[in-house]
mmCIF file of all heavy atoms, coordinates in Angstrom:
data_MODEL
# 
_entry.id   MODEL 
# 
loop_
_atom_site.group_PDB 
_atom_site.id 
_atom_site.type_symbol 
_atom_site.label_atom_id 
_atom_site.label_alt_id 
_atom_site.label_comp_id 
_atom_site.label_asym_id 
_atom_site.label_entity_id 
_atom_site.label_seq_id 
_atom_site.pdbx_PDB_ins_code 
_atom_site.Cartn_x 
_atom_site.Cartn_y 
_atom_site.Cartn_z 
_atom_site.occupancy 
_atom_site.B_iso_or_equiv 
_atom_site.pdbx_formal_charge 
_atom_site.auth_seq_id 
_atom_site.auth_comp_id 
_atom_site.auth_asym_id 
_atom_site.auth_atom_id 
_atom_site.pdbx_PDB_model_num 
ATOM 1   N N   . VAL A 1 1  ? 0.841  -1.198 -0.001 1.00 0.00 ? 1  VAL A N   1 
ATOM 2   C CA  . VAL A 1 1  ? 0.001  0.005  0.001  1.00 0.00 ? 1  VAL A CA  1 
ATOM 3   C C   . VAL A 1 1  ? 0.885  1.252  -0.002 1.00 0.00 ? 1  VAL A C   1 
ATOM 4   O O   . VAL A 1 1  ? 1.823  1.357  0.795  1.00 0.00 ? 1  VAL A O   1 
ATOM 5   C CB  . VAL A 1 1  ? -0.927 0.019  1.232  1.00 0.00 ? 1  VAL A CB  1 
ATOM 6   C CG1 . VAL A 1 1  ? -1.743 1.319  1.262  1.00 0.00 ? 1  VAL A CG1 1 
ATOM 7   C CG2 . VAL A 1 1  ? -1.841 -1.195 1.240  1.00 0.00 ? 1  VAL A CG2 1 
ATOM 8   N N   . PHE A 1 2  ? 0.569  2.162  -0.909 1.00 0.00 ? 2  PHE A N   1 
ATOM 9   C CA  . PHE A 1 2  ? 1.254  3.471  -0.939 1.00 0.00 ? 2  PHE A CA  1 
ATOM 10  C C   . PHE A 1 2  ? 0.423  4.411  -0.061 1.00 0.00 ? 2  PHE A C   1 
ATOM 11  O O   . PHE A 1 2  ? -0.615 4.919  -0.476 1.00 0.00 ? 2  PHE A O   1 
ATOM 12  C CB  . PHE A 1 2  ? 1.336  3.987  -2.377 1.00 0.00 ? 2  PHE A CB  1 
ATOM 13  C CG  . PHE A 1 2  ? 2.280  5.141  -2.560 1.00 0.00 ? 2  PHE A CG  1 
ATOM 14  C CD1 . PHE A 1 2  ? 3.629  4.939  -2.774 1.00 0.00 ? 2  PHE A CD1 1 
ATOM 15  C CD2 . PHE A 1 2  ? 1.808  6.450  -2.511 1.00 0.00 ? 2  PHE A CD2 1 
ATOM 16  C CE1 . PHE A 1 2  ? 4.492  6.006  -2.954 1.00 0.00 ? 2  PHE A CE1 1 
ATOM 17  C CE2 . PHE A 1 2  ? 2.656  7.517  -2.679 1.00 0.00 ? 2  PHE A CE2 1 
ATOM 18  C CZ  . PHE A 1 2  ? 4.015  7.302  -2.900 1.00 0.00 ? 2  PHE A CZ  1 
ATOM 19  N N   . SER A 1 3  ? 0.875  4.633  1.162  1.00 0.00 ? 3  SER A N   1 
ATOM 20  C CA  . SER A 1 3  ? 0.043  5.285  2.167  1.00 0.00 ? 3  SER A CA  1 
ATOM 21  C C   . SER A 1 3  ? -0.137 6.776  1.940  1.00 0.00 ? 3  SER A C   1 
ATOM 22  O O   . SER A 1 3  ? 0.654  7.427  1.232  1.00 0.00 ? 3  SER A O   1 
ATOM 23  C CB  . SER A 1 3  ? 0.650  5.073  3.556  1.00 0.00 ? 3  SER A CB  1 
ATOM 24  O OG  . SER A 1 3  ? 1.883  5.775  3.644  1.00 0.00 ? 3  SER A OG  1 
ATOM 25  N N   . GLU A 1 4  ? -1.156 7.319  2.596  1.00 0.00 ? 4  GLU A N   1 
ATOM 26  C CA  . GLU A 1 4  ? -1.405 8.758  2.548  1.00 0.00 ? 4  GLU A CA  1 
ATOM 27  C C   . GLU A 1 4  ? -0.276 9.532  3.228  1.00 0.00 ? 4  GLU A C   1 
ATOM 28  O O   . GLU A 1 4  ? 0.085  10.631 2.815  1.00 0.00 ? 4  GLU A O   1 
ATOM 29  C CB  . GLU A 1 4  ? -2.735 9.067  3.219  1.00 0.00 ? 4  GLU A CB  1 
ATOM 30  C CG  . GLU A 1 4  ? -3.142 10.537 3.187  1.00 0.00 ? 4  GLU A CG  1 
ATOM 31  C CD  . GLU A 1 4  ? -3.330 11.054 1.757  1.00 0.00 ? 4  GLU A CD  1 
ATOM 32  O OE1 . GLU A 1 4  ? -3.647 10.248 0.859  1.00 0.00 ? 4  GLU A OE1 1 
ATOM 33  O OE2 . GLU A 1 4  ? -3.129 12.262 1.550  1.00 0.00 ? 4  GLU A OE2 1 
ATOM 34  N N   . GLU A 1 5  ? 0.315  8.948  4.269  1.00 0.00 ? 5  GLU A N   1 
ATOM 35  C CA  . GLU A 1 5  ? 1.435  9.602  4.947  1.00 0.00 ? 5  GLU A CA  1 
ATOM 36  C C   . GLU A 1 5  ? 2.617  9.780  4.004  1.00 0.00 ? 5  GLU A C   1 
ATOM 37  O O   . GLU A 1 5  ? 3.268  10.832 3.992  1.00 0.00 ? 5  GLU A O   1 
ATOM 38  C CB  . GLU A 1 5  ? 1.861  8.767  6.160  1.00 0.00 ? 5  GLU A CB  1 
ATOM 39  C CG  . GLU A 1 5  ? 2.947  9.448  6.991  1.00 0.00 ? 5  GLU A CG  1 
ATOM 40  C CD  . GLU A 1 5  ? 3.395  8.594  8.182  1.00 0.00 ? 5  GLU A CD  1 
ATOM 41  O OE1 . GLU A 1 5  ? 2.820  7.508  8.398  1.00 0.00 ? 5  GLU A OE1 1 
ATOM 42  O OE2 . GLU A 1 5  ? 4.330  9.028  8.885  1.00 0.00 ? 5  GLU A OE2 1 
ATOM 43  N N   . CYS A 1 6  ? 2.876  8.757  3.195  1.00 0.00 ? 6  CYS A N   1 
ATOM 44  C CA  . CYS A 1 6  ? 3.970  8.862  2.218  1.00 0.00 ? 6  CYS A CA  1 
ATOM 45  C C   . CYS A 1 6  ? 3.644  9.912  1.156  1.00 0.00 ? 6  CYS A C   1 
ATOM 46  O O   . CYS A 1 6  ? 4.506  10.700 0.774  1.00 0.00 ? 6  CYS A O   1 
ATOM 47  C CB  . CYS A 1 6  ? 4.209  7.496  1.568  1.00 0.00 ? 6  CYS A CB  1 
ATOM 48  S SG  . CYS A 1 6  ? 5.591  7.504  0.395  1.00 0.00 ? 6  CYS A SG  1 
ATOM 49  N N   . ARG A 1 7  ? 2.381  9.925  0.713  1.00 0.00 ? 7  ARG A N   1 
ATOM 50  C CA  . ARG A 1 7  ? 1.988  10.893 -0.311 1.00 0.00 ? 7  ARG A CA  1 
ATOM 51  C C   . ARG A 1 7  ? 2.145  12.322 0.218  1.00 0.00 ? 7  ARG A C   1 
ATOM 52  O O   . ARG A 1 7  ? 2.577  13.221 -0.504 1.00 0.00 ? 7  ARG A O   1 
ATOM 53  C CB  . ARG A 1 7  ? 0.534  10.614 -0.728 1.00 0.00 ? 7  ARG A CB  1 
ATOM 54  C CG  . ARG A 1 7  ? 0.084  11.423 -1.936 1.00 0.00 ? 7  ARG A CG  1 
ATOM 55  C CD  . ARG A 1 7  ? -1.284 10.959 -2.440 1.00 0.00 ? 7  ARG A CD  1 
ATOM 56  N NE  . ARG A 1 7  ? -1.151 9.670  -3.131 1.00 0.00 ? 7  ARG A NE  1 
ATOM 57  C CZ  . ARG A 1 7  ? -1.563 8.506  -2.663 1.00 0.00 ? 7  ARG A CZ  1 
ATOM 58  N NH1 . ARG A 1 7  ? -2.118 8.444  -1.452 1.00 0.00 ? 7  ARG A NH1 1 
ATOM 59  N NH2 . ARG A 1 7  ? -1.418 7.404  -3.367 1.00 0.00 ? 7  ARG A NH2 1 
ATOM 60  N N   . GLN A 1 8  ? 1.817  12.541 1.480  1.00 0.00 ? 8  GLN A N   1 
ATOM 61  C CA  . GLN A 1 8  ? 1.969  13.876 2.073  1.00 0.00 ? 8  GLN A CA  1 
ATOM 62  C C   . GLN A 1 8  ? 3.444  14.269 2.174  1.00 0.00 ? 8  GLN A C   1 
ATOM 63  O O   . GLN A 1 8  ? 3.792  15.439 1.957  1.00 0.00 ? 8  GLN A O   1 
ATOM 64  C CB  . GLN A 1 8  ? 1.319  13.893 3.461  1.00 0.00 ? 8  GLN A CB  1 
ATOM 65  C CG  . GLN A 1 8  ? -0.195 13.823 3.426  1.00 0.00 ? 8  GLN A CG  1 
ATOM 66  C CD  . GLN A 1 8  ? -0.797 13.737 4.821  1.00 0.00 ? 8  GLN A CD  1 
ATOM 67  O OE1 . GLN A 1 8  ? -0.072 13.690 5.823  1.00 0.00 ? 8  GLN A OE1 1 
ATOM 68  N NE2 . GLN A 1 8  ? -2.137 13.707 4.892  1.00 0.00 ? 8  GLN A NE2 1 
ATOM 69  N N   . ALA A 1 9  ? 4.304  13.304 2.484  1.00 0.00 ? 9  ALA A N   1 
ATOM 70  C CA  . ALA A 1 9  ? 5.741  13.584 2.554  1.00 0.00 ? 9  ALA A CA  1 
ATOM 71  C C   . ALA A 1 9  ? 6.292  13.952 1.186  1.00 0.00 ? 9  ALA A C   1 
ATOM 72  O O   . ALA A 1 9  ? 7.122  14.873 1.049  1.00 0.00 ? 9  ALA A O   1 
ATOM 73  C CB  . ALA A 1 9  ? 6.479  12.373 3.128  1.00 0.00 ? 9  ALA A CB  1 
ATOM 74  N N   . VAL A 1 10 ? 5.817  13.232 0.160  1.00 0.00 ? 10 VAL A N   1 
ATOM 75  C CA  . VAL A 1 10 ? 6.244  13.534 -1.214 1.00 0.00 ? 10 VAL A CA  1 
ATOM 76  C C   . VAL A 1 10 ? 5.816  14.955 -1.589 1.00 0.00 ? 10 VAL A C   1 
ATOM 77  O O   . VAL A 1 10 ? 6.597  15.736 -2.153 1.00 0.00 ? 10 VAL A O   1 
ATOM 78  C CB  . VAL A 1 10 ? 5.649  12.497 -2.194 1.00 0.00 ? 10 VAL A CB  1 
ATOM 79  C CG1 . VAL A 1 10 ? 5.826  12.963 -3.635 1.00 0.00 ? 10 VAL A CG1 1 
ATOM 80  C CG2 . VAL A 1 10 ? 6.310  11.145 -1.996 1.00 0.00 ? 10 VAL A CG2 1 
ATOM 81  N N   . ASP A 1 11 ? 4.563  15.299 -1.261 1.00 0.00 ? 11 ASP A N   1 
ATOM 82  C CA  . ASP A 1 11 ? 4.060  16.643 -1.591 1.00 0.00 ? 11 ASP A CA  1 
ATOM 83  C C   . ASP A 1 11 ? 4.839  17.725 -0.847 1.00 0.00 ? 11 ASP A C   1 
ATOM 84  O O   . ASP A 1 11 ? 5.112  18.798 -1.389 1.00 0.00 ? 11 ASP A O   1 
ATOM 85  C CB  . ASP A 1 11 ? 2.568  16.741 -1.255 1.00 0.00 ? 11 ASP A CB  1 
ATOM 86  C CG  . ASP A 1 11 ? 1.712  15.895 -2.177 1.00 0.00 ? 11 ASP A CG  1 
ATOM 87  O OD1 . ASP A 1 11 ? 2.212  15.522 -3.258 1.00 0.00 ? 11 ASP A OD1 1 
ATOM 88  O OD2 . ASP A 1 11 ? 0.552  15.611 -1.814 1.00 0.00 ? 11 ASP A OD2 1 
ATOM 89  N N   . ARG A 1 12 ? 5.182  17.454 0.409  1.00 0.00 ? 12 ARG A N   1 
ATOM 90  C CA  . ARG A 1 12 ? 5.921  18.454 1.198  1.00 0.00 ? 12 ARG A CA  1 
ATOM 91  C C   . ARG A 1 12 ? 7.284  18.741 0.582  1.00 0.00 ? 12 ARG A C   1 
ATOM 92  O O   . ARG A 1 12 ? 7.712  19.903 0.507  1.00 0.00 ? 12 ARG A O   1 
ATOM 93  C CB  . ARG A 1 12 ? 6.094  17.952 2.641  1.00 0.00 ? 12 ARG A CB  1 
ATOM 94  C CG  . ARG A 1 12 ? 6.896  18.897 3.530  1.00 0.00 ? 12 ARG A CG  1 
ATOM 95  C CD  . ARG A 1 12 ? 6.774  18.511 4.994  1.00 0.00 ? 12 ARG A CD  1 
ATOM 96  N NE  . ARG A 1 12 ? 7.512  17.320 5.342  1.00 0.00 ? 12 ARG A NE  1 
ATOM 97  C CZ  . ARG A 1 12 ? 8.836  17.316 5.617  1.00 0.00 ? 12 ARG A CZ  1 
ATOM 98  N NH1 . ARG A 1 12 ? 9.537  18.439 5.545  1.00 0.00 ? 12 ARG A NH1 1 
ATOM 99  N NH2 . ARG A 1 12 ? 9.442  16.194 5.934  1.00 0.00 ? 12 ARG A NH2 1 
ATOM 100 N N   . VAL A 1 13 ? 7.965  17.692 0.141  1.00 0.00 ? 13 VAL A N   1 
ATOM 101 C CA  . VAL A 1 13 ? 9.275  17.888 -0.476 1.00 0.00 ? 13 VAL A CA  1 
ATOM 102 C C   . VAL A 1 13 ? 9.142  18.665 -1.787 1.00 0.00 ? 13 VAL A C   1 
ATOM 103 O O   . VAL A 1 13 ? 9.915  19.592 -2.063 1.00 0.00 ? 13 VAL A O   1 
ATOM 104 C CB  . VAL A 1 13 ? 9.950  16.518 -0.736 1.00 0.00 ? 13 VAL A CB  1 
ATOM 105 C CG1 . VAL A 1 13 ? 11.221 16.706 -1.585 1.00 0.00 ? 13 VAL A CG1 1 
ATOM 106 C CG2 . VAL A 1 13 ? 10.294 15.836 0.575  1.00 0.00 ? 13 VAL A CG2 1 
ATOM 107 N N   . ALA A 1 14 ? 8.136  18.311 -2.608 1.00 0.00 ? 14 ALA A N   1 
ATOM 108 C CA  . ALA A 1 14 ? 7.950  18.993 -3.890 1.00 0.00 ? 14 ALA A CA  1 
ATOM 109 C C   . ALA A 1 14 ? 7.641  20.468 -3.682 1.00 0.00 ? 14 ALA A C   1 
ATOM 110 O O   . ALA A 1 14 ? 8.162  21.336 -4.402 1.00 0.00 ? 14 ALA A O   1 
ATOM 111 C CB  . ALA A 1 14 ? 6.840  18.316 -4.673 1.00 0.00 ? 14 ALA A CB  1 
ATOM 112 N N   . LYS A 1 15 ? 6.784  20.784 -2.702 1.00 0.00 ? 15 LYS A N   1 
ATOM 113 C CA  . LYS A 1 15 ? 6.421  22.172 -2.450 1.00 0.00 ? 15 LYS A CA  1 
ATOM 114 C C   . LYS A 1 15 ? 7.589  22.986 -1.923 1.00 0.00 ? 15 LYS A C   1 
ATOM 115 O O   . LYS A 1 15 ? 7.629  24.210 -2.065 1.00 0.00 ? 15 LYS A O   1 
ATOM 116 C CB  . LYS A 1 15 ? 5.256  22.238 -1.464 1.00 0.00 ? 15 LYS A CB  1 
ATOM 117 C CG  . LYS A 1 15 ? 3.934  21.771 -2.063 1.00 0.00 ? 15 LYS A CG  1 
ATOM 118 C CD  . LYS A 1 15 ? 2.814  21.792 -1.040 1.00 0.00 ? 15 LYS A CD  1 
ATOM 119 C CE  . LYS A 1 15 ? 1.507  21.305 -1.671 1.00 0.00 ? 15 LYS A CE  1 
ATOM 120 N NZ  . LYS A 1 15 ? 0.387  21.274 -0.682 1.00 0.00 ? 15 LYS A NZ  1 
ATOM 121 N N   . ALA A 1 16 ? 8.542  22.304 -1.306 1.00 0.00 ? 16 ALA A N   1 
ATOM 122 C CA  . ALA A 1 16 ? 9.738  22.992 -0.812 1.00 0.00 ? 16 ALA A CA  1 
ATOM 123 C C   . ALA A 1 16 ? 10.784 23.183 -1.906 1.00 0.00 ? 16 ALA A C   1 
ATOM 124 O O   . ALA A 1 16 ? 11.844 23.750 -1.657 1.00 0.00 ? 16 ALA A O   1 
ATOM 125 C CB  . ALA A 1 16 ? 10.349 22.195 0.339  1.00 0.00 ? 16 ALA A CB  1 
ATOM 126 N N   . GLY A 1 17 ? 10.474 22.712 -3.126 1.00 0.00 ? 17 GLY A N   1 
ATOM 127 C CA  . GLY A 1 17 ? 11.406 22.879 -4.240 1.00 0.00 ? 17 GLY A CA  1 
ATOM 128 C C   . GLY A 1 17 ? 12.385 21.754 -4.392 1.00 0.00 ? 17 GLY A C   1 
ATOM 129 O O   . GLY A 1 17 ? 13.321 21.838 -5.191 1.00 0.00 ? 17 GLY A O   1 
ATOM 130 N N   . GLY A 1 18 ? 12.186 20.648 -3.647 1.00 0.00 ? 18 GLY A N   1 
ATOM 131 C CA  . GLY A 1 18 ? 13.092 19.522 -3.733 1.00 0.00 ? 18 GLY A CA  1 
ATOM 132 C C   . GLY A 1 18 ? 12.557 18.410 -4.619 1.00 0.00 ? 18 GLY A C   1 
ATOM 133 O O   . GLY A 1 18 ? 11.454 18.493 -5.168 1.00 0.00 ? 18 GLY A O   1 
ATOM 134 N N   . THR A 1 19 ? 13.355 17.368 -4.745 1.00 0.00 ? 19 THR A N   1 
ATOM 135 C CA  . THR A 1 19 ? 12.945 16.185 -5.498 1.00 0.00 ? 19 THR A CA  1 
ATOM 136 C C   . THR A 1 19 ? 12.783 15.026 -4.520 1.00 0.00 ? 19 THR A C   1 
ATOM 137 O O   . THR A 1 19 ? 13.734 14.659 -3.837 1.00 0.00 ? 19 THR A O   1 
ATOM 138 C CB  . THR A 1 19 ? 14.012 15.825 -6.551 1.00 0.00 ? 19 THR A CB  1 
ATOM 139 O OG1 . THR A 1 19 ? 14.180 16.936 -7.436 1.00 0.00 ? 19 THR A OG1 1 
ATOM 140 C CG2 . THR A 1 19 ? 13.606 14.594 -7.340 1.00 0.00 ? 19 THR A CG2 1 
ATOM 141 N N   . PRO A 1 20 ? 11.572 14.440 -4.455 1.00 0.00 ? 20 PRO A N   1 
ATOM 142 C CA  . PRO A 1 20 ? 11.363 13.330 -3.514 1.00 0.00 ? 20 PRO A CA  1 
ATOM 143 C C   . PRO A 1 20 ? 11.739 11.985 -4.137 1.00 0.00 ? 20 PRO A C   1 
ATOM 144 O O   . PRO A 1 20 ? 11.363 11.693 -5.273 1.00 0.00 ? 20 PRO A O   1 
ATOM 145 C CB  . PRO A 1 20 ? 9.866  13.393 -3.231 1.00 0.00 ? 20 PRO A CB  1 
ATOM 146 C CG  . PRO A 1 20 ? 9.272  14.003 -4.467 1.00 0.00 ? 20 PRO A CG  1 
ATOM 147 C CD  . PRO A 1 20 ? 10.313 14.896 -5.073 1.00 0.00 ? 20 PRO A CD  1 
ATOM 148 N N   . LEU A 1 21 ? 12.500 11.188 -3.416 1.00 0.00 ? 21 LEU A N   1 
ATOM 149 C CA  . LEU A 1 21 ? 12.787 9.800  -3.800 1.00 0.00 ? 21 LEU A CA  1 
ATOM 150 C C   . LEU A 1 21 ? 12.200 8.898  -2.736 1.00 0.00 ? 21 LEU A C   1 
ATOM 151 O O   . LEU A 1 21 ? 12.507 9.044  -1.553 1.00 0.00 ? 21 LEU A O   1 
ATOM 152 C CB  . LEU A 1 21 ? 14.296 9.555  -3.899 1.00 0.00 ? 21 LEU A CB  1 
ATOM 153 C CG  . LEU A 1 21 ? 15.044 10.073 -5.122 1.00 0.00 ? 21 LEU A CG  1 
ATOM 154 C CD1 . LEU A 1 21 ? 16.506 9.640  -5.056 1.00 0.00 ? 21 LEU A CD1 1 
ATOM 155 C CD2 . LEU A 1 21 ? 14.412 9.575  -6.404 1.00 0.00 ? 21 LEU A CD2 1 
ATOM 156 N N   . VAL A 1 22 ? 11.359 7.974  -3.158 1.00 0.00 ? 22 VAL A N   1 
ATOM 157 C CA  . VAL A 1 22 ? 10.710 7.060  -2.215 1.00 0.00 ? 22 VAL A CA  1 
ATOM 158 C C   . VAL A 1 22 ? 11.543 5.788  -2.101 1.00 0.00 ? 22 VAL A C   1 
ATOM 159 O O   . VAL A 1 22 ? 12.066 5.277  -3.108 1.00 0.00 ? 22 VAL A O   1 
ATOM 160 C CB  . VAL A 1 22 ? 9.281  6.734  -2.679 1.00 0.00 ? 22 VAL A CB  1 
ATOM 161 C CG1 . VAL A 1 22 ? 8.623  5.720  -1.742 1.00 0.00 ? 22 VAL A CG1 1 
ATOM 162 C CG2 . VAL A 1 22 ? 8.441  8.008  -2.748 1.00 0.00 ? 22 VAL A CG2 1 
ATOM 163 N N   . VAL A 1 23 ? 11.686 5.278  -0.883 1.00 0.00 ? 23 VAL A N   1 
ATOM 164 C CA  . VAL A 1 23 ? 12.460 4.057  -0.623 1.00 0.00 ? 23 VAL A CA  1 
ATOM 165 C C   . VAL A 1 23 ? 11.512 2.980  -0.075 1.00 0.00 ? 23 VAL A C   1 
ATOM 166 O O   . VAL A 1 23 ? 10.706 3.256  0.834  1.00 0.00 ? 23 VAL A O   1 
ATOM 167 C CB  . VAL A 1 23 ? 13.591 4.322  0.378  1.00 0.00 ? 23 VAL A CB  1 
ATOM 168 C CG1 . VAL A 1 23 ? 14.380 3.025  0.647  1.00 0.00 ? 23 VAL A CG1 1 
ATOM 169 C CG2 . VAL A 1 23 ? 14.519 5.408  -0.134 1.00 0.00 ? 23 VAL A CG2 1 
ATOM 170 N N   . ALA A 1 24 ? 11.635 1.773  -0.664 1.00 0.00 ? 24 ALA A N   1 
ATOM 171 C CA  . ALA A 1 24 ? 10.802 0.652  -0.216 1.00 0.00 ? 24 ALA A CA  1 
ATOM 172 C C   . ALA A 1 24 ? 11.667 -0.584 0.006  1.00 0.00 ? 24 ALA A C   1 
ATOM 173 O O   . ALA A 1 24 ? 12.690 -0.753 -0.652 1.00 0.00 ? 24 ALA A O   1 
ATOM 174 C CB  . ALA A 1 24 ? 9.710  0.357  -1.243 1.00 0.00 ? 24 ALA A CB  1 
# 
C-alpha cells in the first residue's frame, strides 16, 4: 500500500522545491 502519509511527505518535499525519492 502506498500510504497517505507517504503521499503527504512527497508533496511536502515537492512544495519545498526539492525532489522526492521514495524508498521501499
